Protein backbone atom coordinates (compact mmCIF):
# COMPACT_ATOMS: atom_id res chain seq x y z
CA UNK A 1 97.99 69.29 16.04
CA UNK A 2 100.00 67.40 13.45
CA UNK A 3 96.84 65.76 12.12
CA UNK A 4 95.31 69.19 11.51
CA UNK A 5 98.25 70.08 9.28
CA UNK A 6 97.64 67.09 7.03
CA UNK A 7 93.89 66.78 7.19
CA UNK A 8 91.86 68.27 4.39
CA UNK A 9 88.50 69.86 4.81
CA UNK A 10 85.56 68.27 3.09
CA UNK A 11 85.13 69.32 -0.53
CA UNK A 12 81.71 70.86 0.16
CA UNK A 13 83.46 73.24 2.61
CA UNK A 14 86.12 74.39 0.12
CA UNK A 15 86.44 78.16 -0.46
CA UNK A 16 86.09 77.69 -4.23
CA UNK A 17 82.46 77.31 -5.39
CA UNK A 18 83.46 74.91 -8.19
CA UNK A 19 84.99 72.60 -5.59
CA UNK A 20 81.87 72.86 -3.41
CA UNK A 21 79.75 71.87 -6.41
CA UNK A 22 81.88 68.73 -6.75
CA UNK A 23 81.56 68.13 -3.02
CA UNK A 24 77.76 68.11 -3.27
CA UNK A 25 77.94 64.76 -5.09
CA UNK A 26 79.67 63.17 -2.10
CA UNK A 27 76.94 64.12 0.37
CA UNK A 28 73.96 61.89 1.08
CA UNK A 29 70.73 63.32 -0.39
CA UNK A 30 69.17 63.63 3.06
CA UNK A 31 72.21 65.10 4.85
CA UNK A 32 72.08 68.21 6.96
CA UNK A 33 75.16 69.57 5.18
CA UNK A 34 73.36 69.37 1.85
CA UNK A 35 70.29 71.09 3.27
CA UNK A 36 72.56 73.85 4.61
CA UNK A 37 74.15 74.32 1.18
CA UNK A 38 70.70 74.60 -0.43
CA UNK A 39 69.65 77.24 2.05
CA UNK A 40 72.74 79.32 2.63
CA UNK A 41 75.66 78.83 0.28
CA UNK A 42 76.71 82.20 -1.15
CA UNK A 43 77.23 80.80 -4.67
CA UNK A 44 74.09 80.18 -6.76
CA UNK A 45 75.76 77.32 -8.67
CA UNK A 46 76.34 75.49 -5.39
CA UNK A 47 72.72 76.03 -4.33
CA UNK A 48 71.56 74.68 -7.71
CA UNK A 49 73.73 71.57 -7.39
CA UNK A 50 72.57 71.03 -3.82
CA UNK A 51 68.90 71.49 -4.75
CA UNK A 52 69.27 68.95 -7.55
CA UNK A 53 70.56 66.35 -5.07
CA UNK A 54 68.62 67.18 -1.90
CA UNK A 55 65.69 65.02 -0.80
CA UNK A 56 64.86 66.95 2.38
CA UNK A 57 61.39 68.33 1.66
CA UNK A 58 61.31 70.90 4.50
CA UNK A 59 64.79 72.15 3.55
CA UNK A 60 63.79 72.57 -0.09
CA UNK A 61 60.52 74.29 0.82
CA UNK A 62 62.35 76.65 3.18
CA UNK A 63 64.93 77.46 0.54
CA UNK A 64 62.14 78.11 -1.99
CA UNK A 65 60.55 80.64 0.35
CA UNK A 66 63.81 82.56 0.78
CA UNK A 67 65.45 82.23 -2.65
CA UNK A 68 65.59 85.14 -5.08
CA UNK A 69 67.95 83.81 -7.78
CA UNK A 70 65.96 82.63 -10.81
CA UNK A 71 68.23 79.70 -11.70
CA UNK A 72 68.16 78.41 -8.14
CA UNK A 73 64.38 78.76 -8.00
CA UNK A 74 64.08 76.64 -11.16
CA UNK A 75 66.26 73.94 -9.57
CA UNK A 76 64.23 74.12 -6.35
CA UNK A 77 60.93 73.91 -8.24
CA UNK A 78 62.15 70.85 -10.12
CA UNK A 79 63.41 69.16 -6.96
CA UNK A 80 60.21 69.96 -5.08
CA UNK A 81 58.07 68.68 -7.95
CA UNK A 82 60.01 65.43 -8.12
CA UNK A 83 59.80 64.90 -4.37
CA UNK A 84 56.13 65.76 -4.11
CA UNK A 85 55.21 63.46 -6.98
CA UNK A 86 56.98 60.56 -5.29
CA UNK A 87 56.00 61.12 -1.68
CA UNK A 88 53.19 59.57 0.27
CA UNK A 89 53.38 62.39 2.83
CA UNK A 90 50.07 64.19 2.31
CA UNK A 91 51.07 66.94 4.75
CA UNK A 92 54.16 67.71 2.66
């Protein structure tokens, strides 16, 4: 219990979107947490930051299919284009 009092949550889980944007940089590009932020974070600026860092092709494609915010779609399109141009995965 005492450790819970002094432990801090990860920055990408912070209630403030600006803090979550900073936390995105600490996550590995292929992490599940980053893919979750791309797909479901309530703040568009966090989804943009996550899309710019994410290298999970299925996560980016899924986010593209569901995203309605124009700025996030631009970030997703850029990330998808970069990944697809560098991949050898013909199915992707």
